[in-house]
């Protein structure tokens, strides 16, 4: 299977860090209209936030938070799809579901054991903030929620208190995609 890493997806990280004064590196900028940010600006934003996200998510020892970055990334960069409060999102999928997920097909059923971890970046007033790590796990004992278990990790590593019904009420609208809601088409990674 084709394996894609963030080092390939986000090649500007080291170049931007070297070109940006140290004081400016402390603040990650986000545009008021996130949908208008070009690819270079989104890449710079992700590069600035990447370590902060991982460090925050792993503070309390959450197992998925500690391993998701070793999974298959599903897009060439983070993007705003609209749901999740217009945050920038980047989804990772574990080995069990990676091959199926990267087909981005409709009318599918993901295998039990598939786990999706979705990093998020939000913010206001031009300053980006780490958002929650949203997690979906395919199970075989939750038919009322499309056999998905929803969870998350806050930016400080603590468990995100969520309602299964609340998450599924939105994700259920993607029933033709097994409730997943794929990344926007322009950034989808496909294996060739």
Protein backbone atom coordinates (compact mmCIF):
# COMPACT_ATOMS: atom_id res chain seq x y z
CA UNK A 1 0.00 0.00 0.00
CA UNK A 2 1.14 3.55 -0.71
CA UNK A 3 2.30 5.21 2.52
CA UNK A 4 2.21 8.97 2.74
CA UNK A 5 3.92 10.90 5.51
CA UNK A 6 3.58 14.45 6.72
CA UNK A 7 7.17 15.07 5.67
CA UNK A 8 6.02 14.67 2.06
CA UNK A 9 2.67 16.41 2.51
CA UNK A 10 4.06 19.44 4.27
CA UNK A 11 7.53 20.12 2.82
CA UNK A 12 7.68 23.77 3.83
CA UNK A 13 8.11 23.15 7.57
CA UNK A 14 11.82 23.65 7.92
CA UNK A 15 12.10 26.34 5.26
CA UNK A 16 9.37 28.44 6.89
CA UNK A 17 10.81 27.98 10.37
CA UNK A 18 14.19 29.25 9.17
CA UNK A 19 12.67 32.22 7.35
CA UNK A 20 10.47 33.35 10.26
CA UNK A 21 11.90 35.36 13.18
CA UNK A 22 11.77 33.51 16.52
CA UNK A 23 9.23 35.91 18.06
CA UNK A 24 6.83 35.41 15.15
CA UNK A 25 7.07 31.62 15.48
CA UNK A 26 5.36 31.83 18.89
CA UNK A 27 2.07 32.87 17.27
CA UNK A 28 0.40 30.90 14.52
CA UNK A 29 -1.80 33.04 12.30
CA UNK A 30 -5.22 32.10 10.99
CA UNK A 31 -7.21 34.21 8.54
CA UNK A 32 -10.64 35.54 9.46
CA UNK A 33 -12.01 33.78 6.35
CA UNK A 34 -10.38 30.35 6.53
CA UNK A 35 -11.88 29.32 3.20
CA UNK A 36 -9.79 32.01 1.51
CA UNK A 37 -6.40 30.85 2.84
CA UNK A 38 -4.19 29.53 0.03
CA UNK A 39 -2.24 26.28 0.19
CA UNK A 40 1.00 27.94 1.32
CA UNK A 41 -0.77 29.74 4.19
CA UNK A 42 -2.51 26.54 5.32
CA UNK A 43 0.76 24.62 5.17
CA UNK A 44 2.50 27.31 7.23
CA UNK A 45 -0.36 27.24 9.75
CA UNK A 46 -0.16 23.45 10.09
CA UNK A 47 3.62 23.52 10.40
CA UNK A 48 3.32 26.08 13.18
CA UNK A 49 0.64 24.08 15.05
CA UNK A 50 1.80 20.49 14.43
CA UNK A 51 4.01 20.00 17.47
CA UNK A 52 1.57 21.87 19.73
CA UNK A 53 -1.26 19.56 18.70
CA UNK A 54 0.66 16.35 19.30
CA UNK A 55 2.14 17.54 22.61
CA UNK A 56 -1.26 18.65 23.86
CA UNK A 57 -3.16 15.54 22.80
CA UNK A 58 -0.62 13.22 24.44
CA UNK A 59 -0.31 15.02 27.81
CA UNK A 60 -2.62 12.60 29.64
CA UNK A 61 -1.42 9.39 27.96
CA UNK A 62 -4.37 8.75 25.64
CA UNK A 63 -3.38 5.65 23.63
CA UNK A 64 -4.86 6.76 20.30
CA UNK A 65 -3.35 10.25 20.68
CA UNK A 66 0.04 8.63 21.16
CA UNK A 67 -0.10 6.53 18.00
CA UNK A 68 -2.30 8.20 15.36
CA UNK A 69 0.59 10.08 13.72
CA UNK A 70 2.04 6.68 12.72
CA UNK A 71 -1.15 5.92 10.78
CA UNK A 72 -2.04 6.79 7.20
CA UNK A 73 -2.70 10.49 6.63
CA UNK A 74 -5.67 10.90 4.26
CA UNK A 75 -5.03 14.31 2.70
CA UNK A 76 -2.19 16.36 1.29
CA UNK A 77 -2.84 19.07 3.88
CA UNK A 78 -5.35 20.24 6.46
CA UNK A 79 -8.50 21.86 5.06
CA UNK A 80 -11.78 23.42 6.16
CA UNK A 81 -14.79 21.36 5.20
CA UNK A 82 -17.36 23.30 7.21
CA UNK A 83 -18.41 20.85 9.94
CA UNK A 84 -16.57 20.90 13.28
CA UNK A 85 -17.06 24.68 13.57
CA UNK A 86 -15.06 25.55 10.44
CA UNK A 87 -11.84 24.26 11.96
CA UNK A 88 -8.96 23.10 9.78
CA UNK A 89 -9.03 19.30 9.88
CA UNK A 90 -6.52 16.60 9.00
CA UNK A 91 -7.64 12.97 9.26
CA UNK A 92 -5.50 9.90 9.95
CA UNK A 93 -6.76 6.30 9.60
CA UNK A 94 -5.31 3.16 11.17
CA UNK A 95 -4.06 0.19 9.16
CA UNK A 96 -7.32 -1.73 9.48
CA UNK A 97 -9.28 0.86 7.51
CA UNK A 98 -6.63 2.68 5.45
CA UNK A 99 -6.97 0.83 2.16
CA UNK A 100 -10.77 1.08 2.14
CA UNK A 101 -10.85 4.70 3.34
CA UNK A 102 -8.44 5.99 0.67
CA UNK A 103 -10.84 4.81 -2.04
CA UNK A 104 -13.21 7.60 -0.90
CA UNK A 105 -16.14 5.53 -2.13
CA UNK A 106 -19.82 5.85 -1.44
CA UNK A 107 -22.06 2.99 -0.32
CA UNK A 108 -19.30 1.33 1.69
CA UNK A 109 -18.98 -0.33 5.08
CA UNK A 110 -15.71 0.18 6.93
CA UNK A 111 -14.24 -2.84 8.71
CA UNK A 112 -14.73 -3.20 12.45
CA UNK A 113 -11.59 -1.93 14.18
CA UNK A 114 -11.12 1.03 11.84
CA UNK A 115 -10.13 4.14 13.79
CA UNK A 116 -10.12 7.67 12.42
CA UNK A 117 -8.33 10.48 14.28
CA UNK A 118 -9.01 14.01 13.11
CA UNK A 119 -6.70 16.82 14.23
CA UNK A 120 -8.29 20.25 14.38
CA UNK A 121 -7.08 23.84 14.37
CA UNK A 122 -9.39 26.73 15.23
CA UNK A 123 -8.93 30.22 16.54
CA UNK A 124 -10.09 33.79 16.29
CA UNK A 125 -8.71 37.29 16.07
CA UNK A 126 -5.99 36.02 13.73
CA UNK A 127 -4.45 33.65 16.30
CA UNK A 128 -4.71 29.90 15.76
CA UNK A 129 -5.52 27.53 18.60
CA UNK A 130 -5.27 23.78 18.91
CA UNK A 131 -8.71 22.22 18.67
CA UNK A 132 -9.78 18.76 19.86
CA UNK A 133 -8.57 15.49 18.37
CA UNK A 134 -11.83 13.91 17.19
CA UNK A 135 -11.90 10.09 17.13
CA UNK A 136 -14.27 7.59 15.49
CA UNK A 137 -13.91 3.85 16.04
CA UNK A 138 -15.88 1.29 14.02
CA UNK A 139 -17.47 -1.23 16.40
CA UNK A 140 -20.02 -4.02 16.00
CA UNK A 141 -22.29 -3.21 18.94
CA UNK A 142 -23.68 0.30 18.41
CA UNK A 143 -26.31 0.00 15.65
CA UNK A 144 -28.09 3.14 16.85
CA UNK A 145 -24.95 5.11 15.92
CA UNK A 146 -24.11 3.34 12.66
CA UNK A 147 -21.72 1.09 14.62
CA UNK A 148 -19.36 3.98 15.33
CA UNK A 149 -18.08 5.01 18.76
CA UNK A 150 -17.23 8.71 18.97
CA UNK A 151 -14.67 10.14 21.37
CA UNK A 152 -12.05 12.83 21.50
CA UNK A 153 -9.10 14.37 23.25
CA UNK A 154 -8.97 18.00 24.34
CA UNK A 155 -5.94 20.17 23.53
CA UNK A 156 -4.73 19.59 27.12
CA UNK A 157 -4.84 15.79 26.74
CA UNK A 158 -7.97 15.26 28.80
CA UNK A 159 -10.92 13.24 27.50
CA UNK A 160 -13.39 15.26 25.44
CA UNK A 161 -16.84 14.76 26.96
CA UNK A 162 -19.18 14.16 24.03
CA UNK A 163 -22.61 12.79 23.31
CA UNK A 164 -22.76 9.78 20.99
CA UNK A 165 -26.16 11.01 19.79
CA UNK A 166 -24.88 14.54 19.09
CA UNK A 167 -21.96 13.27 16.99
CA UNK A 168 -24.05 10.73 15.14
CA UNK A 169 -26.84 13.20 14.43
CA UNK A 170 -24.34 15.05 12.20
CA UNK A 171 -22.30 12.08 10.94
CA UNK A 172 -25.46 10.16 10.12
CA UNK A 173 -25.96 12.65 7.29
CA UNK A 174 -23.00 10.95 5.64
CA UNK A 175 -24.64 7.51 5.72
CA UNK A 176 -23.64 6.99 2.07
CA UNK A 177 -20.00 7.22 3.31
CA UNK A 178 -20.53 4.98 6.35
CA UNK A 179 -21.00 8.16 8.44
CA UNK A 180 -17.42 9.31 7.94
CA UNK A 181 -17.45 12.58 6.00
CA UNK A 182 -14.33 12.51 3.83
CA UNK A 183 -11.83 15.37 3.46
CA UNK A 184 -12.70 17.93 0.78
CA UNK A 185 -11.90 16.60 -2.70
CA UNK A 186 -9.10 19.03 -3.50
CA UNK A 187 -6.88 17.64 -0.73
CA UNK A 188 -7.78 13.94 -0.75
CA UNK A 189 -4.82 11.61 -0.92
CA UNK A 190 -5.23 8.68 -3.23
CA UNK A 191 -3.02 5.66 -3.74
CA UNK A 192 -1.99 5.25 -7.37
